[in-house]
Amino acid sequence: SAVGTGVIGDVLNDGEENEWPCYNPLDNNQFVYQTTKAGINVDDTSIFIYDISGAAYTHIAASDYVDGGPAWSPDGTMIAFHSNRSGDFDVYIWRLADSTLLHVTNDSRSDGFPVWNQDGTRLAFTRDRELWTTNLDGTDQKKLTSRF
């Protein structure tokens, strides 16, 4: 959603670049999104959860890097996203129950924009403009497409 348009712009209207909203599948009063809010450097983005009914923000997996493309797990317990905190873009999972950050992919190529499968056991993600899938622990990575 572009800044100032659609649901995220209407709800937040805070002057930040707010993108990639994803509702909590168990609570439609909450969504996770990527934002320039709290960025230390001009190009940094962060991941926040916003509670609409309480007008409350929660900053997850705080870093001084580019965190983006969040996706809430089907069971509502985890959020997958990409970050360049390891030197290049990799996929990470934030476990909400214990605030644990899991490093899912660790590849020199650019990994990002994770999406959960229906039962929450695998993630699809992009790797240098190709589509891949992986288990949540980073094992069994499979390339699904080839670019020419």
N, C-alpha and C. Protein backbone atom coordinates (compact mmCIF):
# COMPACT_ATOMS: atom_id res chain seq x y z
N SER A 1 0.84 -1.18 0.00
CA SER A 1 0.00 0.00 0.00
C SER A 1 0.88 1.24 0.00
N ALA A 2 0.61 2.16 -0.85
CA ALA A 2 1.40 3.39 -0.92
C ALA A 2 1.12 4.27 0.29
N VAL A 3 2.04 5.14 0.58
CA VAL A 3 1.89 6.05 1.71
C VAL A 3 0.63 6.88 1.52
N GLY A 4 -0.21 6.94 2.55
CA GLY A 4 -1.39 7.79 2.52
C GLY A 4 -2.57 7.20 1.78
N THR A 5 -2.46 5.99 1.27
CA THR A 5 -3.58 5.39 0.56
C THR A 5 -3.94 4.06 1.20
N GLY A 6 -5.16 3.65 1.03
CA GLY A 6 -5.59 2.36 1.54
C GLY A 6 -5.65 2.32 3.06
N VAL A 7 -5.87 1.15 3.60
CA VAL A 7 -6.08 0.97 5.03
C VAL A 7 -4.91 1.46 5.86
N ILE A 8 -3.69 1.10 5.50
CA ILE A 8 -2.54 1.46 6.34
C ILE A 8 -2.35 2.96 6.42
N GLY A 9 -2.50 3.67 5.30
CA GLY A 9 -2.37 5.13 5.32
C GLY A 9 -3.48 5.78 6.12
N ASP A 10 -4.69 5.27 6.00
CA ASP A 10 -5.81 5.84 6.74
C ASP A 10 -5.69 5.60 8.24
N VAL A 11 -5.15 4.47 8.64
CA VAL A 11 -5.03 4.13 10.05
C VAL A 11 -3.87 4.87 10.70
N LEU A 12 -2.71 4.84 10.08
CA LEU A 12 -1.52 5.40 10.71
C LEU A 12 -1.36 6.90 10.47
N ASN A 13 -1.40 7.34 9.23
CA ASN A 13 -1.31 8.76 8.89
C ASN A 13 -0.25 9.48 9.73
N ASP A 14 0.96 8.91 9.78
CA ASP A 14 2.01 9.44 10.65
C ASP A 14 3.18 10.07 9.89
N GLY A 15 3.06 10.20 8.57
CA GLY A 15 4.11 10.82 7.79
C GLY A 15 5.28 9.90 7.45
N GLU A 16 5.25 8.68 7.92
CA GLU A 16 6.31 7.71 7.63
C GLU A 16 5.98 6.94 6.36
N GLU A 17 6.99 6.27 5.80
CA GLU A 17 6.75 5.38 4.68
C GLU A 17 6.35 4.03 5.26
N ASN A 18 5.06 3.74 5.25
CA ASN A 18 4.49 2.52 5.83
C ASN A 18 4.03 1.61 4.71
N GLU A 19 4.60 0.38 4.67
CA GLU A 19 4.32 -0.53 3.57
C GLU A 19 4.19 -1.96 4.06
N TRP A 20 3.76 -2.84 3.16
CA TRP A 20 3.67 -4.28 3.35
C TRP A 20 2.83 -4.68 4.57
N PRO A 21 1.62 -4.14 4.72
CA PRO A 21 0.80 -4.55 5.86
C PRO A 21 0.31 -5.99 5.72
N CYS A 22 0.23 -6.66 6.84
CA CYS A 22 -0.27 -8.04 6.87
C CYS A 22 -1.03 -8.22 8.18
N TYR A 23 -2.31 -8.54 8.08
CA TYR A 23 -3.13 -8.72 9.27
C TYR A 23 -2.75 -9.97 10.05
N ASN A 24 -2.94 -9.89 11.37
CA ASN A 24 -2.82 -11.05 12.24
C ASN A 24 -4.01 -11.96 11.91
N PRO A 25 -3.77 -13.20 11.53
CA PRO A 25 -4.88 -14.07 11.14
C PRO A 25 -5.81 -14.42 12.30
N LEU A 26 -5.38 -14.18 13.53
CA LEU A 26 -6.22 -14.48 14.69
C LEU A 26 -6.86 -13.24 15.30
N ASP A 27 -6.44 -12.05 14.87
CA ASP A 27 -6.95 -10.82 15.47
C ASP A 27 -6.92 -9.71 14.42
N ASN A 28 -8.08 -9.41 13.82
CA ASN A 28 -8.09 -8.42 12.75
C ASN A 28 -7.97 -6.99 13.26
N ASN A 29 -7.69 -6.81 14.55
CA ASN A 29 -7.36 -5.50 15.09
C ASN A 29 -5.86 -5.26 15.09
N GLN A 30 -5.07 -6.22 14.63
CA GLN A 30 -3.62 -6.08 14.60
C GLN A 30 -3.09 -6.34 13.18
N PHE A 31 -2.10 -5.55 12.80
CA PHE A 31 -1.36 -5.86 11.58
C PHE A 31 0.11 -5.56 11.80
N VAL A 32 0.94 -6.25 11.04
CA VAL A 32 2.39 -6.03 11.04
C VAL A 32 2.71 -5.29 9.75
N TYR A 33 3.72 -4.42 9.80
CA TYR A 33 4.06 -3.66 8.61
C TYR A 33 5.51 -3.20 8.67
N GLN A 34 6.03 -2.79 7.52
CA GLN A 34 7.37 -2.23 7.36
C GLN A 34 7.24 -0.71 7.38
N THR A 35 8.17 -0.03 8.08
CA THR A 35 8.06 1.42 8.19
C THR A 35 9.43 2.07 8.35
N THR A 36 9.49 3.35 8.03
CA THR A 36 10.70 4.13 8.29
C THR A 36 10.71 4.66 9.72
N LYS A 37 9.65 4.45 10.48
CA LYS A 37 9.59 4.86 11.88
C LYS A 37 10.73 4.21 12.65
N ALA A 38 11.41 4.97 13.46
CA ALA A 38 12.50 4.51 14.34
C ALA A 38 13.76 4.14 13.60
N GLY A 39 13.86 4.46 12.32
CA GLY A 39 15.08 4.16 11.58
C GLY A 39 16.22 5.05 12.04
N ILE A 40 17.35 4.46 12.34
CA ILE A 40 18.53 5.21 12.77
C ILE A 40 19.15 5.92 11.57
N ASN A 41 19.31 5.21 10.48
CA ASN A 41 19.85 5.77 9.25
C ASN A 41 18.72 6.04 8.27
N VAL A 42 18.94 6.92 7.34
CA VAL A 42 17.88 7.34 6.42
C VAL A 42 17.30 6.18 5.61
N ASP A 43 18.09 5.16 5.31
CA ASP A 43 17.61 4.05 4.50
C ASP A 43 17.08 2.87 5.32
N ASP A 44 17.13 2.95 6.64
CA ASP A 44 16.67 1.85 7.49
C ASP A 44 15.15 1.76 7.48
N THR A 45 14.66 0.54 7.60
CA THR A 45 13.24 0.31 7.83
C THR A 45 13.12 -0.67 8.97
N SER A 46 11.98 -0.64 9.64
CA SER A 46 11.73 -1.48 10.80
C SER A 46 10.42 -2.21 10.63
N ILE A 47 10.22 -3.21 11.48
CA ILE A 47 8.97 -3.96 11.51
C ILE A 47 8.23 -3.61 12.79
N PHE A 48 6.97 -3.21 12.64
CA PHE A 48 6.13 -2.88 13.78
C PHE A 48 4.83 -3.66 13.70
N ILE A 49 4.29 -3.97 14.85
CA ILE A 49 2.91 -4.46 14.96
C ILE A 49 2.09 -3.29 15.45
N TYR A 50 0.96 -3.06 14.83
CA TYR A 50 0.06 -2.00 15.27
C TYR A 50 -1.26 -2.61 15.71
N ASP A 51 -1.68 -2.25 16.90
CA ASP A 51 -2.98 -2.68 17.44
C ASP A 51 -3.96 -1.54 17.20
N ILE A 52 -4.91 -1.74 16.31
CA ILE A 52 -5.85 -0.70 15.91
C ILE A 52 -6.73 -0.27 17.08
N SER A 53 -7.27 -1.22 17.82
CA SER A 53 -8.20 -0.88 18.89
C SER A 53 -7.53 -0.14 20.04
N GLY A 54 -6.27 -0.45 20.31
CA GLY A 54 -5.56 0.23 21.40
C GLY A 54 -4.63 1.31 20.93
N ALA A 55 -4.54 1.52 19.62
CA ALA A 55 -3.63 2.50 19.03
C ALA A 55 -2.22 2.35 19.60
N ALA A 56 -1.75 1.09 19.68
CA ALA A 56 -0.44 0.80 20.29
C ALA A 56 0.50 0.18 19.27
N TYR A 57 1.77 0.61 19.33
CA TYR A 57 2.82 0.09 18.46
C TYR A 57 3.72 -0.86 19.24
N THR A 58 4.18 -1.92 18.57
CA THR A 58 5.20 -2.80 19.13
C THR A 58 6.29 -2.97 18.08
N HIS A 59 7.51 -2.58 18.41
CA HIS A 59 8.65 -2.70 17.50
C HIS A 59 9.23 -4.09 17.69
N ILE A 60 9.27 -4.90 16.64
CA ILE A 60 9.81 -6.26 16.77
C ILE A 60 11.16 -6.35 16.09
N ALA A 61 12.01 -7.22 16.60
CA ALA A 61 13.31 -7.51 15.99
C ALA A 61 14.10 -6.24 15.69
N ALA A 62 14.09 -5.29 16.61
CA ALA A 62 14.70 -3.98 16.38
C ALA A 62 16.15 -4.10 15.92
N SER A 63 16.50 -3.32 14.90
CA SER A 63 17.86 -3.32 14.38
C SER A 63 18.14 -1.98 13.70
N ASP A 64 19.38 -1.75 13.35
CA ASP A 64 19.78 -0.57 12.59
C ASP A 64 20.00 -0.94 11.13
N TYR A 65 19.18 -1.85 10.63
CA TYR A 65 19.32 -2.34 9.26
C TYR A 65 18.00 -2.19 8.52
N VAL A 66 17.92 -2.77 7.36
CA VAL A 66 16.69 -2.76 6.57
C VAL A 66 15.94 -4.05 6.86
N ASP A 67 14.86 -3.94 7.60
CA ASP A 67 13.95 -5.05 7.87
C ASP A 67 12.68 -4.78 7.08
N GLY A 68 12.17 -5.77 6.37
CA GLY A 68 10.99 -5.51 5.56
C GLY A 68 10.25 -6.75 5.11
N GLY A 69 9.17 -6.51 4.37
CA GLY A 69 8.37 -7.58 3.79
C GLY A 69 7.80 -8.54 4.81
N PRO A 70 7.19 -8.06 5.92
CA PRO A 70 6.71 -8.98 6.95
C PRO A 70 5.49 -9.79 6.51
N ALA A 71 5.40 -11.01 7.04
CA ALA A 71 4.26 -11.90 6.78
C ALA A 71 3.95 -12.66 8.05
N TRP A 72 2.70 -12.59 8.50
CA TRP A 72 2.28 -13.25 9.73
C TRP A 72 1.99 -14.72 9.46
N SER A 73 2.43 -15.60 10.35
CA SER A 73 2.19 -17.04 10.19
C SER A 73 0.70 -17.34 10.31
N PRO A 74 0.23 -18.41 9.67
CA PRO A 74 -1.20 -18.75 9.72
C PRO A 74 -1.74 -18.97 11.13
N ASP A 75 -0.89 -19.42 12.07
CA ASP A 75 -1.37 -19.65 13.43
C ASP A 75 -1.19 -18.42 14.33
N GLY A 76 -0.66 -17.33 13.78
CA GLY A 76 -0.54 -16.08 14.51
C GLY A 76 0.61 -16.01 15.51
N THR A 77 1.52 -16.98 15.51
CA THR A 77 2.57 -17.03 16.52
C THR A 77 3.91 -16.49 16.06
N MET A 78 4.09 -16.30 14.75
CA MET A 78 5.39 -15.88 14.21
C MET A 78 5.21 -14.89 13.07
N ILE A 79 6.27 -14.12 12.84
CA ILE A 79 6.30 -13.20 11.72
C ILE A 79 7.60 -13.43 10.96
N ALA A 80 7.48 -13.71 9.67
CA ALA A 80 8.66 -13.86 8.81
C ALA A 80 8.90 -12.53 8.13
N PHE A 81 10.18 -12.22 7.86
CA PHE A 81 10.54 -10.98 7.17
C PHE A 81 11.95 -11.13 6.61
N HIS A 82 12.38 -10.14 5.82
CA HIS A 82 13.75 -10.16 5.34
C HIS A 82 14.52 -9.02 6.00
N SER A 83 15.84 -9.20 6.09
CA SER A 83 16.70 -8.19 6.70
C SER A 83 18.11 -8.32 6.13
N ASN A 84 18.83 -7.19 6.14
CA ASN A 84 20.23 -7.21 5.72
C ASN A 84 21.18 -7.17 6.92
N ARG A 85 20.70 -7.55 8.09
CA ARG A 85 21.51 -7.51 9.31
C ARG A 85 22.70 -8.47 9.29
N SER A 86 22.71 -9.44 8.39
CA SER A 86 23.85 -10.37 8.31
C SER A 86 24.84 -9.97 7.21
N GLY A 87 24.62 -8.82 6.59
CA GLY A 87 25.51 -8.36 5.54
C GLY A 87 24.88 -8.41 4.16
N ASP A 88 23.96 -9.33 3.96
CA ASP A 88 23.16 -9.39 2.74
C ASP A 88 21.75 -9.74 3.19
N PHE A 89 20.80 -9.71 2.28
CA PHE A 89 19.41 -9.99 2.68
C PHE A 89 19.18 -11.48 2.87
N ASP A 90 18.64 -11.82 4.03
CA ASP A 90 18.25 -13.17 4.40
C ASP A 90 16.84 -13.13 4.97
N VAL A 91 16.23 -14.30 5.11
CA VAL A 91 14.91 -14.43 5.71
C VAL A 91 15.06 -14.78 7.18
N TYR A 92 14.24 -14.15 8.00
CA TYR A 92 14.23 -14.35 9.45
C TYR A 92 12.80 -14.62 9.91
N ILE A 93 12.69 -15.23 11.09
CA ILE A 93 11.39 -15.42 11.74
C ILE A 93 11.49 -14.85 13.15
N TRP A 94 10.48 -14.08 13.53
CA TRP A 94 10.36 -13.55 14.89
C TRP A 94 9.26 -14.35 15.59
N ARG A 95 9.64 -15.06 16.67
CA ARG A 95 8.65 -15.80 17.46
C ARG A 95 8.08 -14.85 18.50
N LEU A 96 6.79 -14.62 18.44
CA LEU A 96 6.14 -13.64 19.31
C LEU A 96 6.13 -14.06 20.78
N ALA A 97 5.97 -15.34 21.07
CA ALA A 97 5.83 -15.81 22.46
C ALA A 97 7.05 -15.51 23.31
N ASP A 98 8.25 -15.66 22.72
CA ASP A 98 9.47 -15.47 23.51
C ASP A 98 10.43 -14.44 22.90
N SER A 99 9.96 -13.68 21.91
CA SER A 99 10.78 -12.64 21.26
C SER A 99 12.11 -13.18 20.76
N THR A 100 12.06 -14.36 20.17
CA THR A 100 13.26 -15.00 19.63
C THR A 100 13.35 -14.74 18.14
N LEU A 101 14.55 -14.38 17.68
CA LEU A 101 14.81 -14.18 16.26
C LEU A 101 15.52 -15.41 15.69
N LEU A 102 14.94 -15.99 14.65
CA LEU A 102 15.52 -17.15 13.98
C LEU A 102 16.04 -16.74 12.62
N HIS A 103 17.26 -17.10 12.30
CA HIS A 103 17.89 -16.81 11.01
C HIS A 103 17.59 -18.01 10.11
N VAL A 104 16.67 -17.86 9.17
CA VAL A 104 16.20 -18.98 8.35
C VAL A 104 17.13 -19.26 7.17
N THR A 105 17.38 -18.27 6.33
CA THR A 105 18.28 -18.47 5.20
C THR A 105 19.60 -17.78 5.49
N ASN A 106 20.67 -18.33 4.95
CA ASN A 106 21.99 -17.75 5.14
C ASN A 106 22.78 -18.00 3.87
N ASP A 107 22.51 -17.16 2.88
CA ASP A 107 23.06 -17.35 1.55
C ASP A 107 23.61 -16.01 1.08
N SER A 108 24.63 -16.01 0.28
CA SER A 108 25.23 -14.77 -0.19
C SER A 108 24.34 -14.04 -1.21
N ARG A 109 23.34 -14.75 -1.73
CA ARG A 109 22.41 -14.11 -2.65
C ARG A 109 21.33 -13.38 -1.85
N SER A 110 20.57 -12.56 -2.50
CA SER A 110 19.55 -11.75 -1.84
C SER A 110 18.26 -12.54 -1.65
N ASP A 111 17.91 -12.82 -0.39
CA ASP A 111 16.68 -13.55 -0.04
C ASP A 111 15.67 -12.57 0.56
N GLY A 112 14.40 -12.69 0.17
CA GLY A 112 13.42 -11.77 0.74
C GLY A 112 11.99 -12.11 0.45
N PHE A 113 11.12 -11.25 0.97
CA PHE A 113 9.68 -11.30 0.77
C PHE A 113 9.08 -12.68 1.05
N PRO A 114 9.27 -13.19 2.27
CA PRO A 114 8.75 -14.51 2.61
C PRO A 114 7.23 -14.53 2.68
N VAL A 115 6.68 -15.70 2.32
CA VAL A 115 5.24 -15.96 2.38
C VAL A 115 5.06 -17.36 2.96
N TRP A 116 4.14 -17.51 3.89
CA TRP A 116 3.89 -18.80 4.55
C TRP A 116 3.02 -19.70 3.69
N ASN A 117 3.25 -21.02 3.79
CA ASN A 117 2.30 -21.94 3.18
C ASN A 117 1.09 -22.05 4.12
N GLN A 118 0.04 -22.70 3.67
CA GLN A 118 -1.23 -22.70 4.40
C GLN A 118 -1.13 -23.30 5.80
N ASP A 119 -0.31 -24.33 5.99
CA ASP A 119 -0.24 -24.94 7.32
C ASP A 119 0.93 -24.41 8.16
N GLY A 120 1.68 -23.43 7.63
CA GLY A 120 2.73 -22.78 8.40
C GLY A 120 3.99 -23.59 8.60
N THR A 121 4.21 -24.59 7.75
CA THR A 121 5.40 -25.44 7.89
C THR A 121 6.54 -25.06 6.95
N ARG A 122 6.25 -24.24 5.93
CA ARG A 122 7.27 -23.82 4.97
C ARG A 122 7.08 -22.36 4.60
N LEU A 123 8.16 -21.78 4.09
CA LEU A 123 8.12 -20.42 3.57
C LEU A 123 8.52 -20.44 2.10
N ALA A 124 7.83 -19.65 1.30
CA ALA A 124 8.29 -19.34 -0.05
C ALA A 124 8.97 -17.99 0.04
N PHE A 125 10.01 -17.77 -0.76
CA PHE A 125 10.73 -16.50 -0.72
C PHE A 125 11.41 -16.29 -2.06
N THR A 126 11.84 -15.06 -2.30
CA THR A 126 12.60 -14.79 -3.51
C THR A 126 14.09 -14.85 -3.20
N ARG A 127 14.84 -15.33 -4.13
CA ARG A 127 16.31 -15.34 -4.05
C ARG A 127 16.80 -14.90 -5.42
N ASP A 128 17.31 -13.69 -5.47
CA ASP A 128 17.80 -13.13 -6.74
C ASP A 128 16.82 -13.34 -7.88
N ARG A 129 15.59 -12.93 -7.67
CA ARG A 129 14.52 -12.95 -8.67
C ARG A 129 14.05 -14.34 -9.07
N GLU A 130 14.32 -15.31 -8.24
CA GLU A 130 13.79 -16.66 -8.45
C GLU A 130 12.99 -17.05 -7.21
N LEU A 131 12.06 -17.98 -7.37
CA LEU A 131 11.21 -18.42 -6.27
C LEU A 131 11.77 -19.68 -5.64
N TRP A 132 11.90 -19.66 -4.32
CA TRP A 132 12.42 -20.78 -3.55
C TRP A 132 11.45 -21.10 -2.42
N THR A 133 11.58 -22.29 -1.84
CA THR A 133 10.87 -22.64 -0.61
C THR A 133 11.86 -23.25 0.37
N THR A 134 11.50 -23.23 1.65
CA THR A 134 12.35 -23.79 2.70
C THR A 134 11.51 -24.20 3.89
N ASN A 135 12.05 -25.15 4.67
CA ASN A 135 11.49 -25.41 5.98
C ASN A 135 11.79 -24.21 6.87
N LEU A 136 11.13 -24.11 8.00
CA LEU A 136 11.32 -22.96 8.88
C LEU A 136 12.70 -22.89 9.50
N ASP A 137 13.41 -24.00 9.55
CA ASP A 137 14.77 -23.99 10.10
C ASP A 137 15.82 -23.80 9.00
N GLY A 138 15.38 -23.52 7.78
CA GLY A 138 16.31 -23.27 6.68
C GLY A 138 16.74 -24.51 5.92
N THR A 139 16.28 -25.67 6.33
CA THR A 139 16.63 -26.90 5.64
C THR A 139 15.68 -27.14 4.47
N ASP A 140 16.07 -28.06 3.61
CA ASP A 140 15.26 -28.48 2.46
C ASP A 140 14.88 -27.29 1.57
N GLN A 141 15.86 -26.47 1.22
CA GLN A 141 15.60 -25.35 0.30
C GLN A 141 15.47 -25.88 -1.11
N LYS A 142 14.38 -25.44 -1.77
CA LYS A 142 14.10 -25.90 -3.13
C LYS A 142 13.87 -24.72 -4.05
N LYS A 143 14.55 -24.73 -5.18
CA LYS A 143 14.38 -23.71 -6.20
C LYS A 143 13.21 -24.12 -7.09
N LEU A 144 12.22 -23.23 -7.25
CA LEU A 144 11.03 -23.56 -8.02
C LEU A 144 11.03 -22.97 -9.42
N THR A 145 11.79 -21.90 -9.64
CA THR A 145 11.79 -21.24 -10.94
C THR A 145 13.23 -21.02 -11.39
N SER A 146 13.39 -20.76 -12.68
CA SER A 146 14.70 -20.41 -13.24
C SER A 146 14.51 -19.17 -14.11
N ARG A 147 15.42 -18.25 -13.98
CA ARG A 147 15.36 -17.08 -14.86
C ARG A 147 16.42 -17.23 -15.94
N PHE A 148 16.17 -16.62 -17.06
CA PHE A 148 17.08 -16.76 -18.19
C PHE A 148 17.99 -15.59 -18.30
